[in-house]
C-alpha atoms as a PDB file:
ATOM      1  CA  UNK A   1      -0.045  -0.021   0.001  1.00  0.00           C
ATOM      2  CA  UNK A   2       1.325   3.475  -0.945  1.00  0.00           C
ATOM      3  CA  UNK A   3       2.328   5.680   2.018  1.00  0.00           C
ATOM      4  CA  UNK A   4      -0.423   8.181   1.330  1.00  0.00           C
ATOM      5  CA  UNK A   5      -3.009   5.441   0.983  1.00  0.00           C
ATOM      6  CA  UNK A   6      -1.872   3.946   4.277  1.00  0.00           C
ATOM      7  CA  UNK A   7      -2.119   7.335   5.960  1.00  0.00           C
ATOM      8  CA  UNK A   8      -5.578   7.923   4.570  1.00  0.00           C
ATOM      9  CA  UNK A   9      -6.714   4.460   5.715  1.00  0.00           C
ATOM     10  CA  UNK A  10      -5.353   5.138   9.254  1.00  0.00           C
ATOM     11  CA  UNK A  11      -7.035   8.615   9.283  1.00  0.00           C
ATOM     12  CA  UNK A  12     -10.372   7.141   8.160  1.00  0.00           C
ATOM     13  CA  UNK A  13     -10.308   4.310  10.726  1.00  0.00           C
ATOM     14  CA  UNK A  14      -9.319   6.676  13.492  1.00  0.00           C
ATOM     15  CA  UNK A  15     -12.060   9.157  12.560  1.00  0.00           C
ATOM     16  CA  UNK A  16     -14.668   6.415  12.217  1.00  0.00           C
ATOM     17  CA  UNK A  17     -13.646   4.998  15.550  1.00  0.00           C
ATOM     18  CA  UNK A  18     -14.100   8.359  17.279  1.00  0.00           C
ATOM     19  CA  UNK A  19     -17.464   8.892  15.639  1.00  0.00           C
ATOM     20  CA  UNK A  20     -18.766   5.424  16.600  1.00  0.00           C
ATOM     21  CA  UNK A  21     -17.426   5.736  20.094  1.00  0.00           C
ATOM     22  CA  UNK A  22     -19.374   8.960  20.600  1.00  0.00           C
ATOM     23  CA  UNK A  23     -22.502   7.869  18.820  1.00  0.00           C
ATOM     24  CA  UNK A  24     -25.688   6.926  20.675  1.00  0.00           C
ATOM     25  CA  UNK A  25     -27.067   5.418  17.436  1.00  0.00           C
ATOM     26  CA  UNK A  26     -24.657   3.761  15.040  1.00  0.00           C
ATOM     27  CA  UNK A  27     -27.000   4.510  12.127  1.00  0.00           C
ATOM     28  CA  UNK A  28     -26.229   8.179  12.712  1.00  0.00           C
ATOM     29  CA  UNK A  29     -22.578   7.728  11.612  1.00  0.00           C
ATOM     30  CA  UNK A  30     -22.585   8.432   7.870  1.00  0.00           C
ATOM     31  CA  UNK A  31     -19.831   8.107   5.265  1.00  0.00           C
ATOM     32  CA  UNK A  32     -20.042  11.923   4.838  1.00  0.00           C
ATOM     33  CA  UNK A  33     -19.354  12.324   8.566  1.00  0.00           C
ATOM     34  CA  UNK A  34     -16.396   9.970   8.443  1.00  0.00           C
ATOM     35  CA  UNK A  35     -14.863  11.581   5.311  1.00  0.00           C
ATOM     36  CA  UNK A  36     -15.207  15.052   6.819  1.00  0.00           C
ATOM     37  CA  UNK A  37     -13.721  13.983  10.167  1.00  0.00           C
ATOM     38  CA  UNK A  38     -10.864  12.183   8.408  1.00  0.00           C
ATOM     39  CA  UNK A  39     -10.113  15.081   6.036  1.00  0.00           C
ATOM     40  CA  UNK A  40     -10.488  12.935   2.944  1.00  0.00           C
ATOM     41  CA  UNK A  41     -12.912  12.916   0.022  1.00  0.00           C
ATOM     42  CA  UNK A  42     -15.860  10.537   0.060  1.00  0.00           C
ATOM     43  CA  UNK A  43     -14.414   8.834  -3.038  1.00  0.00           C
ATOM     44  CA  UNK A  44     -11.370   7.844  -0.992  1.00  0.00           C
ATOM     45  CA  UNK A  45     -13.646   6.156   1.509  1.00  0.00           C
ATOM     46  CA  UNK A  46     -15.520   4.215  -1.154  1.00  0.00           C
ATOM     47  CA  UNK A  47     -12.381   3.206  -3.019  1.00  0.00           C
ATOM     48  CA  UNK A  48     -10.728   1.942   0.152  1.00  0.00           C
ATOM     49  CA  UNK A  49     -13.713   0.321   1.934  1.00  0.00           C
ATOM     50  CA  UNK A  50     -16.354  -0.159  -0.767  1.00  0.00           C
ATOM     51  CA  UNK A  51     -19.307   0.976   1.381  1.00  0.00           C
ATOM     52  CA  UNK A  52     -20.343   1.717   4.910  1.00  0.00           C
ATOM     53  CA  UNK A  53     -20.442  -2.018   5.688  1.00  0.00           C
ATOM     54  CA  UNK A  54     -16.841  -2.415   4.508  1.00  0.00           C
ATOM     55  CA  UNK A  55     -15.758   0.444   6.748  1.00  0.00           C
ATOM     56  CA  UNK A  56     -17.562  -0.931   9.779  1.00  0.00           C
ATOM     57  CA  UNK A  57     -16.063  -4.380   9.203  1.00  0.00           C
ATOM     58  CA  UNK A  58     -12.547  -2.960   8.818  1.00  0.00           C
ATOM     59  CA  UNK A  59     -12.800  -0.915  12.010  1.00  0.00           C
ATOM     60  CA  UNK A  60     -14.235  -3.855  13.940  1.00  0.00           C
ATOM     61  CA  UNK A  61     -11.525  -6.184  12.619  1.00  0.00           C
ATOM     62  CA  UNK A  62      -8.827  -3.712  13.612  1.00  0.00           C
ATOM     63  CA  UNK A  63     -10.182  -3.469  17.133  1.00  0.00           C
ATOM     64  CA  UNK A  64     -10.722  -7.226  17.558  1.00  0.00           C
ATOM     65  CA  UNK A  65      -7.296  -8.174  16.258  1.00  0.00           C
ATOM     66  CA  UNK A  66      -5.668  -7.128  19.551  1.00  0.00           C
ATOM     67  CA  UNK A  67      -8.214  -8.982  21.617  1.00  0.00           C
ATOM     68  CA  UNK A  68      -7.959 -12.126  19.411  1.00  0.00           C
ATOM     69  CA  UNK A  69      -4.158 -12.160  19.751  1.00  0.00           C
ATOM     70  CA  UNK A  70      -4.618 -12.561  23.511  1.00  0.00           C
ATOM     71  CA  UNK A  71      -6.300 -15.955  22.926  1.00  0.00           C
ATOM     72  CA  UNK A  72      -4.060 -17.389  20.203  1.00  0.00           C
ATOM     73  CA  UNK A  73      -2.419 -20.347  21.882  1.00  0.00           C
ATOM     74  CA  UNK A  74      -3.203 -18.932  25.324  1.00  0.00           C
ATOM     75  CA  UNK A  75      -5.339 -21.892  26.375  1.00  0.00           C
ATOM     76  CA  UNK A  76      -2.612 -24.538  26.029  1.00  0.00           C
ATOM     77  CA  UNK A  77      -2.991 -26.476  29.287  1.00  0.00           C
ATOM     78  CA  UNK A  78      -5.666 -24.167  30.601  1.00  0.00           C
ATOM     79  CA  UNK A  79      -8.888 -25.655  31.759  1.00  0.00           C
ATOM     80  CA  UNK A  80     -11.408 -25.307  28.917  1.00  0.00           C
ATOM     81  CA  UNK A  81     -14.157 -23.918  31.102  1.00  0.00           C
ATOM     82  CA  UNK A  82     -11.775 -21.216  32.446  1.00  0.00           C
ATOM     83  CA  UNK A  83     -10.788 -20.451  28.852  1.00  0.00           C
ATOM     84  CA  UNK A  84     -14.431 -20.017  27.879  1.00  0.00           C
ATOM     85  CA  UNK A  85     -14.946 -17.755  30.880  1.00  0.00           C
ATOM     86  CA  UNK A  86     -12.010 -15.603  29.845  1.00  0.00           C
ATOM     87  CA  UNK A  87     -13.150 -15.399  26.218  1.00  0.00           C
ATOM     88  CA  UNK A  88     -16.647 -14.525  27.191  1.00  0.00           C
ATOM     89  CA  UNK A  89     -15.457 -11.899  29.639  1.00  0.00           C
ATOM     90  CA  UNK A  90     -13.231 -10.375  26.930  1.00  0.00           C
ATOM     91  CA  UNK A  91     -16.108 -10.336  24.425  1.00  0.00           C
ATOM     92  CA  UNK A  92     -18.427  -8.713  26.979  1.00  0.00           C
ATOM     93  CA  UNK A  93     -15.838  -6.066  27.811  1.00  0.00           C
ATOM     94  CA  UNK A  94     -15.306  -5.413  24.069  1.00  0.00           C
ATOM     95  CA  UNK A  95     -19.060  -5.066  23.448  1.00  0.00           C
ATOM     96  CA  UNK A  96     -19.425  -2.674  26.412  1.00  0.00           C
ATOM     97  CA  UNK A  97     -16.453  -0.615  25.237  1.00  0.00           C
ATOM     98  CA  UNK A  98     -17.555  -0.570  21.618  1.00  0.00           C
ATOM     99  CA  UNK A  99     -21.334  -0.457  21.900  1.00  0.00           C
ATOM    100  CA  UNK A 100     -22.173   1.537  18.786  1.00  0.00           C
ATOM    101  CA  UNK A 101     -19.623  -0.150  16.599  1.00  0.00           C
ATOM    102  CA  UNK A 102     -20.727  -3.594  17.703  1.00  0.00           C
ATOM    103  CA  UNK A 103     -24.373  -2.764  17.088  1.00  0.00           C
ATOM    104  CA  UNK A 104     -23.445  -1.446  13.629  1.00  0.00           C
ATOM    105  CA  UNK A 105     -21.520  -4.633  12.775  1.00  0.00           C
ATOM    106  CA  UNK A 106     -24.230  -6.982  14.091  1.00  0.00           C
ATOM    107  CA  UNK A 107     -26.896  -5.248  12.076  1.00  0.00           C
ATOM    108  CA  UNK A 108     -24.984  -5.879   8.816  1.00  0.00           C
ATOM    109  CA  UNK A 109     -25.530  -8.920   6.616  1.00  0.00           C
ATOM    110  CA  UNK A 110     -29.293  -8.869   6.217  1.00  0.00           C
ATOM    111  CA  UNK A 111     -29.766  -8.018   9.888  1.00  0.00           C
ATOM    112  CA  UNK A 112     -28.026 -11.155  11.196  1.00  0.00           C
ATOM    113  CA  UNK A 113     -25.127 -10.761  13.662  1.00  0.00           C
ATOM    114  CA  UNK A 114     -24.032 -14.274  12.718  1.00  0.00           C
ATOM    115  CA  UNK A 115     -22.811 -13.529   9.243  1.00  0.00           C
ATOM    116  CA  UNK A 116     -19.521 -11.689  10.038  1.00  0.00           C
ATOM    117  CA  UNK A 117     -16.059 -13.246  10.136  1.00  0.00           C
ATOM    118  CA  UNK A 118     -15.427 -12.201  13.753  1.00  0.00           C
ATOM    119  CA  UNK A 119     -18.492 -14.159  14.902  1.00  0.00           C
ATOM    120  CA  UNK A 120     -17.341 -17.235  12.968  1.00  0.00           C
ATOM    121  CA  UNK A 121     -13.898 -17.197  14.548  1.00  0.00           C
ATOM    122  CA  UNK A 122     -15.208 -16.726  18.110  1.00  0.00           C
ATOM    123  CA  UNK A 123     -17.813 -19.421  17.611  1.00  0.00           C
ATOM    124  CA  UNK A 124     -15.204 -21.925  16.336  1.00  0.00           C
ATOM    125  CA  UNK A 125     -12.961 -21.208  19.334  1.00  0.00           C
ATOM    126  CA  UNK A 126     -15.780 -21.446  21.949  1.00  0.00           C
ATOM    127  CA  UNK A 127     -17.221 -24.599  20.230  1.00  0.00           C
ATOM    128  CA  UNK A 128     -13.801 -26.316  20.377  1.00  0.00           C
ATOM    129  CA  UNK A 129     -13.431 -25.475  24.045  1.00  0.00           C
ATOM    130  CA  UNK A 130     -16.999 -26.610  24.760  1.00  0.00           C
ATOM    131  CA  UNK A 131     -16.251 -29.930  23.011  1.00  0.00           C
ATOM    132  CA  UNK A 132     -13.227 -30.311  25.200  1.00  0.00           C
ATOM    133  CA  UNK A 133     -15.167 -29.424  28.346  1.00  0.00           C
ATOM    134  CA  UNK A 134     -18.407 -31.348  27.715  1.00  0.00           C
ATOM    135  CA  UNK A 135     -17.868 -33.528  24.708  1.00  0.00           C
ATOM    136  CA  UNK A 136     -18.661 -32.807  21.047  1.00  0.00           C
ATOM    137  CA  UNK A 137     -22.412 -33.660  20.976  1.00  0.00           C
ATOM    138  CA  UNK A 138     -23.847 -30.197  21.643  1.00  0.00           C
ATOM    139  CA  UNK A 139     -20.724 -28.051  21.486  1.00  0.00           C
ATOM    140  CA  UNK A 140     -21.653 -26.245  18.348  1.00  0.00           C
ATOM    141  CA  UNK A 141     -25.067 -25.212  19.585  1.00  0.00           C
ATOM    142  CA  UNK A 142     -23.781 -24.340  23.078  1.00  0.00           C
ATOM    143  CA  UNK A 143     -21.207 -22.072  21.597  1.00  0.00           C
ATOM    144  CA  UNK A 144     -23.913 -20.214  19.717  1.00  0.00           C
ATOM    145  CA  UNK A 145     -26.051 -19.993  22.864  1.00  0.00           C
ATOM    146  CA  UNK A 146     -23.221 -18.640  24.936  1.00  0.00           C
ATOM    147  CA  UNK A 147     -22.213 -16.077  22.324  1.00  0.00           C
ATOM    148  CA  UNK A 148     -25.802 -14.912  22.177  1.00  0.00           C
ATOM    149  CA  UNK A 149     -25.353 -13.735  25.817  1.00  0.00           C
ATOM    150  CA  UNK A 150     -22.918 -11.128  24.667  1.00  0.00           C
ATOM    151  CA  UNK A 151     -24.779  -9.932  21.548  1.00  0.00           C
ATOM    152  CA  UNK A 152     -24.520  -6.186  21.344  1.00  0.00           C
ATOM    153  CA  UNK A 153     -28.328  -5.680  21.289  1.00  0.00           C
ATOM    154  CA  UNK A 154     -28.606  -7.560  24.631  1.00  0.00           C
ATOM    155  CA  UNK A 155     -25.604  -5.728  26.129  1.00  0.00           C
ATOM    156  CA  UNK A 156     -27.219  -2.475  25.003  1.00  0.00           C
ATOM    157  CA  UNK A 157     -30.596  -3.476  26.422  1.00  0.00           C
ATOM    158  CA  UNK A 158     -28.946  -4.081  29.766  1.00  0.00           C
ATOM    159  CA  UNK A 159     -26.900  -0.863  29.733  1.00  0.00           C
ATOM    160  CA  UNK A 160     -28.362   0.262  33.073  1.00  0.00           C
ATOM    161  CA  UNK A 161     -26.909  -2.851  34.782  1.00  0.00           C
ATOM    162  CA  UNK A 162     -23.515  -2.442  36.456  1.00  0.00           C
ATOM    163  CA  UNK A 163     -20.778  -4.023  34.322  1.00  0.00           C
ATOM    164  CA  UNK A 164     -19.782  -6.299  37.223  1.00  0.00           C
ATOM    165  CA  UNK A 165     -23.381  -7.666  37.289  1.00  0.00           C
ATOM    166  CA  UNK A 166     -23.231  -8.467  33.588  1.00  0.00           C
ATOM    167  CA  UNK A 167     -19.886 -10.121  33.946  1.00  0.00           C
ATOM    168  CA  UNK A 168     -21.067 -12.249  36.900  1.00  0.00           C
ATOM    169  CA  UNK A 169     -24.135 -13.289  34.928  1.00  0.00           C
ATOM    170  CA  UNK A 170     -22.124 -14.342  31.871  1.00  0.00           C
ATOM    171  CA  UNK A 171     -19.629 -16.290  34.015  1.00  0.00           C
ATOM    172  CA  UNK A 172     -22.473 -18.038  35.853  1.00  0.00           C
ATOM    173  CA  UNK A 173     -24.056 -18.929  32.513  1.00  0.00           C
ATOM    174  CA  UNK A 174     -20.800 -20.457  31.206  1.00  0.00           C
ATOM    175  CA  UNK A 175     -20.238 -22.470  34.368  1.00  0.00           C
ATOM    176  CA  UNK A 176     -23.872 -23.606  34.433  1.00  0.00           C
ATOM    177  CA  UNK A 177     -23.711 -24.743  30.792  1.00  0.00           C
ATOM    178  CA  UNK A 178     -20.501 -26.616  31.634  1.00  0.00           C
ATOM    179  CA  UNK A 179     -22.160 -28.319  34.575  1.00  0.00           C
ATOM    180  CA  UNK A 180     -20.165 -26.492  37.247  1.00  0.00           C
ATOM    181  CA  UNK A 181     -21.502 -24.850  40.336  1.00  0.00           C
ATOM    182  CA  UNK A 182     -21.110 -21.036  40.161  1.00  0.00           C
ATOM    183  CA  UNK A 183     -18.169 -19.590  42.038  1.00  0.00           C
ATOM    184  CA  UNK A 184     -18.908 -17.092  44.762  1.00  0.00           C
END
């Protein structure tokens, strides 16, 4: 990528991130707003990202790359239930910290939050851990069910709950699904 193209991409992603972070409604973040905030023409946005969905996906991927790196190979020897608890906690934190962006991403793909690459990767990881913890019979479904507990629309619906209460609920759900008694 040319140096100026790389700078423009970074400026666009930074501007889009700031706009989504401050938005109450992700639908209110337009390509015009992003282009103006980044100091680039709208054509640059469309050439680089294709459309608003492409921009949302690129920003989401950028932000989840750091989180995903934390779990690459990090569960070697770790109890699979504890690994699922850690993943679900990280996903919940991410959804809380990136409310508008997460809602924007989950509303793409015909309105289904299940049709983005990030969901597929997390589902595969949680399903593998569930298979290790409980056996393979229902691992695929259980992974979907657990991930539904941190969907952005649910997290947003429960935004008046203290974060610690949400975290405790998600952990109890994971442990219950895995047949463990809740801690604490």
